[in-house]
Amino acid sequence: IFPVMDLFMPLGDLVRVEGAIDQVMVMITEDMEVASTLYMPVTR
């Protein structure tokens, strides 16, 4: 859905995702909902 993500973190690349796991973990926390537009909300 968001192929532009490849510019920042290719989601299909295990090495890149593992290398950025700290960022991924932060972006899915509920605390980020109000702190960043990068927040990944609970959705369908």
ModelCIF file with pLDDT and N, C-alpha, C, O atoms, coordinates in Angstrom:
data_MODEL
#
_entry.id   MODEL 
#
_entity.id                         1 
_entity.type                       polymer 
_entity.pdbx_number_of_molecules   1 
#
_entity_poly.entity_id                      1 
_entity_poly.type                           'polypeptide(L)' 
_entity_poly.nstd_linkage                   no 
_entity_poly.nstd_monomer                   no 
_entity_poly.pdbx_seq_one_letter_code       IFPVMDLFMPLGDLVRVEGAIDQVMVMITEDMEVASTLYMPVTR 
_entity_poly.pdbx_seq_one_letter_code_can   IFPVMDLFMPLGDLVRVEGAIDQVMVMITEDMEVASTLYMPVTR 
_entity_poly.pdbx_strand_id                 A 
#
loop_
_entity_poly_seq.entity_id 
_entity_poly_seq.num 
_entity_poly_seq.mon_id 
_entity_poly_seq.hetero 
1 1  ILE n 
1 2  PHE n 
1 3  PRO n 
1 4  VAL n 
1 5  MET n 
1 6  ASP n 
1 7  LEU n 
1 8  PHE n 
1 9  MET n 
1 10 PRO n 
1 11 LEU n 
1 12 GLY n 
1 13 ASP n 
1 14 LEU n 
1 15 VAL n 
1 16 ARG n 
1 17 VAL n 
1 18 GLU n 
1 19 GLY n 
1 20 ALA n 
1 21 ILE n 
1 22 ASP n 
1 23 GLN n 
1 24 VAL n 
1 25 MET n 
1 26 VAL n 
1 27 MET n 
1 28 ILE n 
1 29 THR n 
1 30 GLU n 
1 31 ASP n 
1 32 MET n 
1 33 GLU n 
1 34 VAL n 
1 35 ALA n 
1 36 SER n 
1 37 THR n 
1 38 LEU n 
1 39 TYR n 
1 40 MET n 
1 41 PRO n 
1 42 VAL n 
1 43 THR n 
1 44 ARG n 
#
_struct_asym.id          A 
_struct_asym.entity_id   1 
#
loop_
_ma_qa_metric.id 
_ma_qa_metric.mode 
_ma_qa_metric.name 
_ma_qa_metric.software_group_id 
_ma_qa_metric.type 
1 global pLDDT . pLDDT 
2 local  pLDDT . pLDDT 
#
_ma_qa_metric_global.metric_id      1 
_ma_qa_metric_global.metric_value   74.36 
_ma_qa_metric_global.model_id       1 
_ma_qa_metric_global.ordinal_id     1 
#
loop_
_ma_qa_metric_local.label_asym_id 
_ma_qa_metric_local.label_comp_id 
_ma_qa_metric_local.label_seq_id 
_ma_qa_metric_local.metric_id 
_ma_qa_metric_local.metric_value 
_ma_qa_metric_local.model_id 
_ma_qa_metric_local.ordinal_id 
A ILE 1  2 82.00 1 1  
A PHE 2  2 78.00 1 2  
A PRO 3  2 81.00 1 3  
A VAL 4  2 78.00 1 4  
A MET 5  2 75.00 1 5  
A ASP 6  2 80.00 1 6  
A LEU 7  2 81.00 1 7  
A PHE 8  2 78.00 1 8  
A MET 9  2 79.00 1 9  
A PRO 10 2 87.00 1 10 
A LEU 11 2 87.00 1 11 
A GLY 12 2 91.00 1 12 
A ASP 13 2 93.00 1 13 
A LEU 14 2 94.00 1 14 
A VAL 15 2 94.00 1 15 
A ARG 16 2 92.00 1 16 
A VAL 17 2 92.00 1 17 
A GLU 18 2 93.00 1 18 
A GLY 19 2 92.00 1 19 
A ALA 20 2 89.00 1 20 
A ILE 21 2 91.00 1 21 
A ASP 22 2 89.00 1 22 
A GLN 23 2 83.00 1 23 
A VAL 24 2 82.00 1 24 
A MET 25 2 84.00 1 25 
A VAL 26 2 79.00 1 26 
A MET 27 2 76.00 1 27 
A ILE 28 2 74.00 1 28 
A THR 29 2 72.00 1 29 
A GLU 30 2 67.00 1 30 
A ASP 31 2 65.00 1 31 
A MET 32 2 57.00 1 32 
A GLU 33 2 53.00 1 33 
A VAL 34 2 56.00 1 34 
A ALA 35 2 55.00 1 35 
A SER 36 2 54.00 1 36 
A THR 37 2 52.00 1 37 
A LEU 38 2 54.00 1 38 
A TYR 39 2 49.00 1 39 
A MET 40 2 55.00 1 40 
A PRO 41 2 50.00 1 41 
A VAL 42 2 49.00 1 42 
A THR 43 2 54.00 1 43 
A ARG 44 2 56.00 1 44 
#
loop_
_atom_site.group_PDB 
_atom_site.id 
_atom_site.type_symbol 
_atom_site.label_atom_id 
_atom_site.label_alt_id 
_atom_site.label_comp_id 
_atom_site.label_asym_id 
_atom_site.label_entity_id 
_atom_site.label_seq_id 
_atom_site.pdbx_PDB_ins_code 
_atom_site.Cartn_x 
_atom_site.Cartn_y 
_atom_site.Cartn_z 
_atom_site.occupancy 
_atom_site.B_iso_or_equiv 
_atom_site.pdbx_formal_charge 
_atom_site.auth_seq_id 
_atom_site.auth_comp_id 
_atom_site.auth_asym_id 
_atom_site.auth_atom_id 
_atom_site.pdbx_PDB_model_num 
ATOM 1   N N  . ILE A 1 1  ? 0.818  -1.214 0.000  1.00 82.00 ? 1  ILE A N  1 
ATOM 2   C CA . ILE A 1 1  ? 0.000  0.000  0.000  1.00 82.00 ? 1  ILE A CA 1 
ATOM 3   C C  . ILE A 1 1  ? 0.854  1.266  0.000  1.00 82.00 ? 1  ILE A C  1 
ATOM 4   O O  . ILE A 1 1  ? 0.477  2.271  -0.603 1.00 82.00 ? 1  ILE A O  1 
ATOM 5   N N  . PHE A 1 2  ? 2.005  1.219  0.677  1.00 78.00 ? 2  PHE A N  1 
ATOM 6   C CA . PHE A 1 2  ? 2.852  2.402  0.808  1.00 78.00 ? 2  PHE A CA 1 
ATOM 7   C C  . PHE A 1 2  ? 4.253  2.136  0.245  1.00 78.00 ? 2  PHE A C  1 
ATOM 8   O O  . PHE A 1 2  ? 5.217  2.073  1.007  1.00 78.00 ? 2  PHE A O  1 
ATOM 9   N N  . PRO A 1 3  ? 4.379  1.978  -1.084 1.00 81.00 ? 3  PRO A N  1 
ATOM 10  C CA . PRO A 1 3  ? 5.687  1.660  -1.664 1.00 81.00 ? 3  PRO A CA 1 
ATOM 11  C C  . PRO A 1 3  ? 6.736  2.746  -1.409 1.00 81.00 ? 3  PRO A C  1 
ATOM 12  O O  . PRO A 1 3  ? 7.933  2.481  -1.523 1.00 81.00 ? 3  PRO A O  1 
ATOM 13  N N  . VAL A 1 4  ? 6.308  3.955  -1.071 1.00 78.00 ? 4  VAL A N  1 
ATOM 14  C CA . VAL A 1 4  ? 7.260  5.020  -0.782 1.00 78.00 ? 4  VAL A CA 1 
ATOM 15  C C  . VAL A 1 4  ? 8.099  4.676  0.449  1.00 78.00 ? 4  VAL A C  1 
ATOM 16  O O  . VAL A 1 4  ? 9.172  5.248  0.642  1.00 78.00 ? 4  VAL A O  1 
ATOM 17  N N  . MET A 1 5  ? 7.625  3.752  1.281  1.00 75.00 ? 5  MET A N  1 
ATOM 18  C CA . MET A 1 5  ? 8.381  3.328  2.461  1.00 75.00 ? 5  MET A CA 1 
ATOM 19  C C  . MET A 1 5  ? 9.747  2.767  2.078  1.00 75.00 ? 5  MET A C  1 
ATOM 20  O O  . MET A 1 5  ? 10.684 2.812  2.875  1.00 75.00 ? 5  MET A O  1 
ATOM 21  N N  . ASP A 1 6  ? 9.864  2.239  0.859  1.00 80.00 ? 6  ASP A N  1 
ATOM 22  C CA . ASP A 1 6  ? 11.144 1.686  0.410  1.00 80.00 ? 6  ASP A CA 1 
ATOM 23  C C  . ASP A 1 6  ? 12.274 2.709  0.489  1.00 80.00 ? 6  ASP A C  1 
ATOM 24  O O  . ASP A 1 6  ? 13.436 2.340  0.661  1.00 80.00 ? 6  ASP A O  1 
ATOM 25  N N  . LEU A 1 7  ? 11.937 3.992  0.364  1.00 81.00 ? 7  LEU A N  1 
ATOM 26  C CA . LEU A 1 7  ? 12.952 5.036  0.451  1.00 81.00 ? 7  LEU A CA 1 
ATOM 27  C C  . LEU A 1 7  ? 13.527 5.138  1.861  1.00 81.00 ? 7  LEU A C  1 
ATOM 28  O O  . LEU A 1 7  ? 14.688 5.511  2.033  1.00 81.00 ? 7  LEU A O  1 
ATOM 29  N N  . PHE A 1 8  ? 12.729 4.813  2.858  1.00 78.00 ? 8  PHE A N  1 
ATOM 30  C CA . PHE A 1 8  ? 13.143 4.958  4.253  1.00 78.00 ? 8  PHE A CA 1 
ATOM 31  C C  . PHE A 1 8  ? 13.482 3.627  4.908  1.00 78.00 ? 8  PHE A C  1 
ATOM 32  O O  . PHE A 1 8  ? 14.495 3.507  5.597  1.00 78.00 ? 8  PHE A O  1 
ATOM 33  N N  . MET A 1 9  ? 12.630 2.626  4.693  1.00 79.00 ? 9  MET A N  1 
ATOM 34  C CA . MET A 1 9  ? 12.844 1.302  5.257  1.00 79.00 ? 9  MET A CA 1 
ATOM 35  C C  . MET A 1 9  ? 12.128 0.286  4.386  1.00 79.00 ? 9  MET A C  1 
ATOM 36  O O  . MET A 1 9  ? 10.908 0.142  4.471  1.00 79.00 ? 9  MET A O  1 
ATOM 37  N N  . PRO A 1 10 ? 12.875 -0.417 3.552  1.00 87.00 ? 10 PRO A N  1 
ATOM 38  C CA . PRO A 1 10 ? 12.242 -1.452 2.723  1.00 87.00 ? 10 PRO A CA 1 
ATOM 39  C C  . PRO A 1 10 ? 11.662 -2.555 3.616  1.00 87.00 ? 10 PRO A C  1 
ATOM 40  O O  . PRO A 1 10 ? 12.407 -3.348 4.191  1.00 87.00 ? 10 PRO A O  1 
ATOM 41  N N  . LEU A 1 11 ? 10.344 -2.600 3.726  1.00 87.00 ? 11 LEU A N  1 
ATOM 42  C CA . LEU A 1 11 ? 9.698  -3.533 4.644  1.00 87.00 ? 11 LEU A CA 1 
ATOM 43  C C  . LEU A 1 11 ? 9.881  -4.993 4.261  1.00 87.00 ? 11 LEU A C  1 
ATOM 44  O O  . LEU A 1 11 ? 9.653  -5.873 5.091  1.00 87.00 ? 11 LEU A O  1 
ATOM 45  N N  . GLY A 1 12 ? 10.282 -5.272 3.043  1.00 91.00 ? 12 GLY A N  1 
ATOM 46  C CA . GLY A 1 12 ? 10.508 -6.645 2.626  1.00 91.00 ? 12 GLY A CA 1 
ATOM 47  C C  . GLY A 1 12 ? 11.937 -7.107 2.840  1.00 91.00 ? 12 GLY A C  1 
ATOM 48  O O  . GLY A 1 12 ? 12.281 -8.233 2.479  1.00 91.00 ? 12 GLY A O  1 
ATOM 49  N N  . ASP A 1 13 ? 12.769 -6.265 3.415  1.00 93.00 ? 13 ASP A N  1 
ATOM 50  C CA . ASP A 1 13 ? 14.190 -6.566 3.601  1.00 93.00 ? 13 ASP A CA 1 
ATOM 51  C C  . ASP A 1 13 ? 14.465 -6.842 5.077  1.00 93.00 ? 13 ASP A C  1 
ATOM 52  O O  . ASP A 1 13 ? 14.521 -5.916 5.886  1.00 93.00 ? 13 ASP A O  1 
ATOM 53  N N  . LEU A 1 14 ? 14.635 -8.107 5.421  1.00 94.00 ? 14 LEU A N  1 
ATOM 54  C CA . LEU A 1 14 ? 14.843 -8.520 6.812  1.00 94.00 ? 14 LEU A CA 1 
ATOM 55  C C  . LEU A 1 14 ? 15.985 -7.761 7.474  1.00 94.00 ? 14 LEU A C  1 
ATOM 56  O O  . LEU A 1 14 ? 15.842 -7.283 8.599  1.00 94.00 ? 14 LEU A O  1 
ATOM 57  N N  . VAL A 1 15 ? 17.107 -7.649 6.791  1.00 94.00 ? 15 VAL A N  1 
ATOM 58  C CA . VAL A 1 15 ? 18.280 -6.995 7.378  1.00 94.00 ? 15 VAL A CA 1 
ATOM 59  C C  . VAL A 1 15 ? 17.976 -5.534 7.707  1.00 94.00 ? 15 VAL A C  1 
ATOM 60  O O  . VAL A 1 15 ? 18.340 -5.044 8.776  1.00 94.00 ? 15 VAL A O  1 
ATOM 61  N N  . ARG A 1 16 ? 17.312 -4.845 6.788  1.00 92.00 ? 16 ARG A N  1 
ATOM 62  C CA . ARG A 1 16 ? 16.990 -3.421 7.019  1.00 92.00 ? 16 ARG A CA 1 
ATOM 63  C C  . ARG A 1 16 ? 15.952 -3.253 8.129  1.00 92.00 ? 16 ARG A C  1 
ATOM 64  O O  . ARG A 1 16 ? 16.060 -2.340 8.948  1.00 92.00 ? 16 ARG A O  1 
ATOM 65  N N  . VAL A 1 17 ? 14.950 -4.129 8.159  1.00 92.00 ? 17 VAL A N  1 
ATOM 66  C CA . VAL A 1 17 ? 13.919 -4.020 9.194  1.00 92.00 ? 17 VAL A CA 1 
ATOM 67  C C  . VAL A 1 17 ? 14.516 -4.345 10.559 1.00 92.00 ? 17 VAL A C  1 
ATOM 68  O O  . VAL A 1 17 ? 14.250 -3.648 11.537 1.00 92.00 ? 17 VAL A O  1 
ATOM 69  N N  . GLU A 1 18 ? 15.325 -5.406 10.627 1.00 93.00 ? 18 GLU A N  1 
ATOM 70  C CA . GLU A 1 18 ? 15.981 -5.721 11.901 1.00 93.00 ? 18 GLU A CA 1 
ATOM 71  C C  . GLU A 1 18 ? 16.906 -4.587 12.339 1.00 93.00 ? 18 GLU A C  1 
ATOM 72  O O  . GLU A 1 18 ? 17.002 -4.289 13.529 1.00 93.00 ? 18 GLU A O  1 
ATOM 73  N N  . GLY A 1 19 ? 17.580 -3.959 11.393 1.00 92.00 ? 19 GLY A N  1 
ATOM 74  C CA . GLY A 1 19 ? 18.471 -2.848 11.711 1.00 92.00 ? 19 GLY A CA 1 
ATOM 75  C C  . GLY A 1 19 ? 17.731 -1.627 12.234 1.00 92.00 ? 19 GLY A C  1 
ATOM 76  O O  . GLY A 1 19 ? 18.308 -0.801 12.941 1.00 92.00 ? 19 GLY A O  1 
ATOM 77  N N  . ALA A 1 20 ? 16.466 -1.514 11.892 1.00 89.00 ? 20 ALA A N  1 
ATOM 78  C CA . ALA A 1 20 ? 15.661 -0.369 12.323 1.00 89.00 ? 20 ALA A CA 1 
ATOM 79  C C  . ALA A 1 20 ? 14.577 -0.791 13.311 1.00 89.00 ? 20 ALA A C  1 
ATOM 80  O O  . ALA A 1 20 ? 13.592 -0.077 13.499 1.00 89.00 ? 20 ALA A O  1 
ATOM 81  N N  . ILE A 1 21 ? 14.759 -1.947 13.939 1.00 91.00 ? 21 ILE A N  1 
ATOM 82  C CA . ILE A 1 21 ? 13.701 -2.478 14.812 1.00 91.00 ? 21 ILE A CA 1 
ATOM 83  C C  . ILE A 1 21 ? 13.360 -1.524 15.945 1.00 91.00 ? 21 ILE A C  1 
ATOM 84  O O  . ILE A 1 21 ? 12.206 -1.465 16.371 1.00 91.00 ? 21 ILE A O  1 
ATOM 85  N N  . ASP A 1 22 ? 14.336 -0.778 16.439 1.00 89.00 ? 22 ASP A N  1 
ATOM 86  C CA . ASP A 1 22 ? 14.043 0.192  17.503 1.00 89.00 ? 22 ASP A CA 1 
ATOM 87  C C  . ASP A 1 22 ? 13.034 1.226  17.025 1.00 89.00 ? 22 ASP A C  1 
ATOM 88  O O  . ASP A 1 22 ? 12.121 1.590  17.765 1.00 89.00 ? 22 ASP A O  1 
ATOM 89  N N  . GLN A 1 23 ? 13.190 1.704  15.789 1.00 83.00 ? 23 GLN A N  1 
ATOM 90  C CA . GLN A 1 23 ? 12.254 2.679  15.221 1.00 83.00 ? 23 GLN A CA 1 
ATOM 91  C C  . GLN A 1 23 ? 10.866 2.063  15.054 1.00 83.00 ? 23 GLN A C  1 
ATOM 92  O O  . GLN A 1 23 ? 9.858  2.690  15.380 1.00 83.00 ? 23 GLN A O  1 
ATOM 93  N N  . VAL A 1 24 ? 10.822 0.842  14.551 1.00 82.00 ? 24 VAL A N  1 
ATOM 94  C CA . VAL A 1 24 ? 9.539  0.167  14.357 1.00 82.00 ? 24 VAL A CA 1 
ATOM 95  C C  . VAL A 1 24 ? 8.834  0.025  15.697 1.00 82.00 ? 24 VAL A C  1 
ATOM 96  O O  . VAL A 1 24 ? 7.639  0.301  15.805 1.00 82.00 ? 24 VAL A O  1 
ATOM 97  N N  . MET A 1 25 ? 9.560  -0.400 16.708 1.00 84.00 ? 25 MET A N  1 
ATOM 98  C CA . MET A 1 25 ? 8.970  -0.603 18.041 1.00 84.00 ? 25 MET A CA 1 
ATOM 99  C C  . MET A 1 25 ? 8.408  0.706  18.594 1.00 84.00 ? 25 MET A C  1 
ATOM 100 O O  . MET A 1 25 ? 7.344  0.717  19.213 1.00 84.00 ? 25 MET A O  1 
ATOM 101 N N  . VAL A 1 26 ? 9.113  1.792  18.371 1.00 79.00 ? 26 VAL A N  1 
ATOM 102 C CA . VAL A 1 26 ? 8.633  3.087  18.859 1.00 79.00 ? 26 VAL A CA 1 
ATOM 103 C C  . VAL A 1 26 ? 7.386  3.520  18.096 1.00 79.00 ? 26 VAL A C  1 
ATOM 104 O O  . VAL A 1 26 ? 6.447  4.045  18.694 1.00 79.00 ? 26 VAL A O  1 
ATOM 105 N N  . MET A 1 27 ? 7.368  3.308  16.795 1.00 76.00 ? 27 MET A N  1 
ATOM 106 C CA . MET A 1 27 ? 6.254  3.785  15.968 1.00 76.00 ? 27 MET A CA 1 
ATOM 107 C C  . MET A 1 27 ? 4.947  3.044  16.230 1.00 76.00 ? 27 MET A C  1 
ATOM 108 O O  . MET A 1 27 ? 3.880  3.538  15.867 1.00 76.00 ? 27 MET A O  1 
ATOM 109 N N  . ILE A 1 28 ? 5.010  1.878  16.849 1.00 74.00 ? 28 ILE A N  1 
ATOM 110 C CA . ILE A 1 28 ? 3.767  1.143  17.112 1.00 74.00 ? 28 ILE A CA 1 
ATOM 111 C C  . ILE A 1 28 ? 3.286  1.308  18.551 1.00 74.00 ? 28 ILE A C  1 
ATOM 112 O O  . ILE A 1 28 ? 2.241  0.766  18.910 1.00 74.00 ? 28 ILE A O  1 
ATOM 113 N N  . THR A 1 29 ? 4.022  2.044  19.383 1.00 72.00 ? 29 THR A N  1 
ATOM 114 C CA . THR A 1 29 ? 3.579  2.253  20.762 1.00 72.00 ? 29 THR A CA 1 
ATOM 115 C C  . THR A 1 29 ? 2.459  3.290  20.802 1.00 72.00 ? 29 THR A C  1 
ATOM 116 O O  . THR A 1 29 ? 2.434  4.232  20.010 1.00 72.00 ? 29 THR A O  1 
ATOM 117 N N  . GLU A 1 30 ? 1.542  3.097  21.734 1.00 67.00 ? 30 GLU A N  1 
ATOM 118 C CA . GLU A 1 30 ? 0.415  4.014  21.852 1.00 67.00 ? 30 GLU A CA 1 
ATOM 119 C C  . GLU A 1 30 ? 0.868  5.426  22.214 1.00 67.00 ? 30 GLU A C  1 
ATOM 120 O O  . GLU A 1 30 ? 0.189  6.395  21.871 1.00 67.00 ? 30 GLU A O  1 
ATOM 121 N N  . ASP A 1 31 ? 1.999  5.557  22.898 1.00 65.00 ? 31 ASP A N  1 
ATOM 122 C CA . ASP A 1 31 ? 2.512  6.878  23.268 1.00 65.00 ? 31 ASP A CA 1 
ATOM 123 C C  . ASP A 1 31 ? 2.797  7.736  22.040 1.00 65.00 ? 31 ASP A C  1 
ATOM 124 O O  . ASP A 1 31 ? 2.745  8.964  22.116 1.00 65.00 ? 31 ASP A O  1 
ATOM 125 N N  . MET A 1 32 ? 3.093  7.109  20.923 1.00 57.00 ? 32 MET A N  1 
ATOM 126 C CA . MET A 1 32 ? 3.427  7.848  19.701 1.00 57.00 ? 32 MET A CA 1 
ATOM 127 C C  . MET A 1 32 ? 2.203  8.422  19.003 1.00 57.00 ? 32 MET A C  1 
ATOM 128 O O  . MET A 1 32 ? 2.338  9.244  18.096 1.00 57.00 ? 32 MET A O  1 
ATOM 129 N N  . GLU A 1 33 ? 1.015  8.001  19.411 1.00 53.00 ? 33 GLU A N  1 
ATOM 130 C CA . GLU A 1 33 ? -0.206 8.449  18.730 1.00 53.00 ? 33 GLU A CA 1 
ATOM 131 C C  . GLU A 1 33 ? -0.290 9.972  18.661 1.00 53.00 ? 33 GLU A C  1 
ATOM 132 O O  . GLU A 1 33 ? -0.645 10.526 17.621 1.00 53.00 ? 33 GLU A O  1 
ATOM 133 N N  . VAL A 1 34 ? 0.030  10.642 19.745 1.00 56.00 ? 34 VAL A N  1 
ATOM 134 C CA . VAL A 1 34 ? -0.050 12.099 19.754 1.00 56.00 ? 34 VAL A CA 1 
ATOM 135 C C  . VAL A 1 34 ? 1.293  12.753 19.465 1.00 56.00 ? 34 VAL A C  1 
ATOM 136 O O  . VAL A 1 34 ? 1.354  13.956 19.209 1.00 56.00 ? 34 VAL A O  1 
ATOM 137 N N  . ALA A 1 35 ? 2.363  11.980 19.502 1.00 55.00 ? 35 ALA A N  1 
ATOM 138 C CA . ALA A 1 35 ? 3.705  12.550 19.374 1.00 55.00 ? 35 ALA A CA 1 
ATOM 139 C C  . ALA A 1 35 ? 4.213  12.613 17.938 1.00 55.00 ? 35 ALA A C  1 
ATOM 140 O O  . ALA A 1 35 ? 5.112  13.402 17.648 1.00 55.00 ? 35 ALA A O  1 
ATOM 141 N N  . SER A 1 36 ? 3.665  11.807 17.034 1.00 54.00 ? 36 SER A N  1 
ATOM 142 C CA . SER A 1 36 ? 4.240  11.744 15.695 1.00 54.00 ? 36 SER A CA 1 
ATOM 143 C C  . SER A 1 36 ? 3.206  11.347 14.649 1.00 54.00 ? 36 SER A C  1 
ATOM 144 O O  . SER A 1 36 ? 2.286  10.575 14.919 1.00 54.00 ? 36 SER A O  1 
ATOM 145 N N  . THR A 1 37 ? 3.377  11.887 13.465 1.00 52.00 ? 37 THR A N  1 
ATOM 146 C CA . THR A 1 37 ? 2.525  11.481 12.343 1.00 52.00 ? 37 THR A CA 1 
ATOM 147 C C  . THR A 1 37 ? 2.971  10.137 11.775 1.00 52.00 ? 37 THR A C  1 
ATOM 148 O O  . THR A 1 37 ? 2.295  9.581  10.909 1.00 52.00 ? 37 THR A O  1 
ATOM 149 N N  . LEU A 1 38 ? 4.095  9.610  12.248 1.00 54.00 ? 38 LEU A N  1 
ATOM 150 C CA . LEU A 1 38 ? 4.586  8.315  11.787 1.00 54.00 ? 38 LEU A CA 1 
ATOM 151 C C  . LEU A 1 38 ? 3.983  7.150  12.574 1.00 54.00 ? 38 LEU A C  1 
ATOM 152 O O  . LEU A 1 38 ? 4.240  5.987  12.264 1.00 54.00 ? 38 LEU A O  1 
ATOM 153 N N  . TYR A 1 39 ? 3.186  7.464  13.587 1.00 49.00 ? 39 TYR A N  1 
ATOM 154 C CA . TYR A 1 39 ? 2.545  6.450  14.424 1.00 49.00 ? 39 TYR A CA 1 
ATOM 155 C C  . TYR A 1 39 ? 1.752  5.475  13.568 1.00 49.00 ? 39 TYR A C  1 
ATOM 156 O O  . TYR A 1 39 ? 1.045  5.882  12.646 1.00 49.00 ? 39 TYR A O  1 
ATOM 157 N N  . MET A 1 40 ? 1.871  4.181  13.875 1.00 55.00 ? 40 MET A N  1 
ATOM 158 C CA . MET A 1 40 ? 1.106  3.153  13.168 1.00 55.00 ? 40 MET A CA 1 
ATOM 159 C C  . MET A 1 40 ? -0.055 2.744  14.068 1.00 55.00 ? 40 MET A C  1 
ATOM 160 O O  . MET A 1 40 ? 0.132  1.918  14.961 1.00 55.00 ? 40 MET A O  1 
ATOM 161 N N  . PRO A 1 41 ? -1.254 3.301  13.857 1.00 50.00 ? 41 PRO A N  1 
ATOM 162 C CA . PRO A 1 41 ? -2.381 3.045  14.758 1.00 50.00 ? 41 PRO A CA 1 
ATOM 163 C C  . PRO A 1 41 ? -2.965 1.646  14.599 1.00 50.00 ? 41 PRO A C  1 
ATOM 164 O O  . PRO A 1 41 ? -2.770 0.983  13.580 1.00 50.00 ? 41 PRO A O  1 
ATOM 165 N N  . VAL A 1 42 ? -3.681 1.219  15.625 1.00 49.00 ? 42 VAL A N  1 
ATOM 166 C CA . VAL A 1 42 ? -4.431 -0.032 15.521 1.00 49.00 ? 42 VAL A CA 1 
ATOM 167 C C  . VAL A 1 42 ? -5.551 0.226  14.527 1.00 49.00 ? 42 VAL A C  1 
ATOM 168 O O  . VAL A 1 42 ? -6.389 1.105  14.729 1.00 49.00 ? 42 VAL A O  1 
ATOM 169 N N  . THR A 1 43 ? -5.556 -0.539 13.467 1.00 54.00 ? 43 THR A N  1 
ATOM 170 C CA . THR A 1 43 ? -6.570 -0.420 12.421 1.00 54.00 ? 43 THR A CA 1 
ATOM 171 C C  . THR A 1 43 ? -6.956 -1.824 12.000 1.00 54.00 ? 43 THR A C  1 
ATOM 172 O O  . THR A 1 43 ? -6.520 -2.807 12.599 1.00 54.00 ? 43 THR A O  1 
ATOM 173 N N  . ARG A 1 44 ? -7.764 -1.909 10.980 1.00 56.00 ? 44 ARG A N  1 
ATOM 174 C CA . ARG A 1 44 ? -8.098 -3.227 10.448 1.00 56.00 ? 44 ARG A CA 1 
ATOM 175 C C  . ARG A 1 44 ? -6.839 -3.935 9.967  1.00 56.00 ? 44 ARG A C  1 
ATOM 176 O O  . ARG A 1 44 ? -6.912 -5.064 9.482  1.00 56.00 ? 44 ARG A O  1 
#
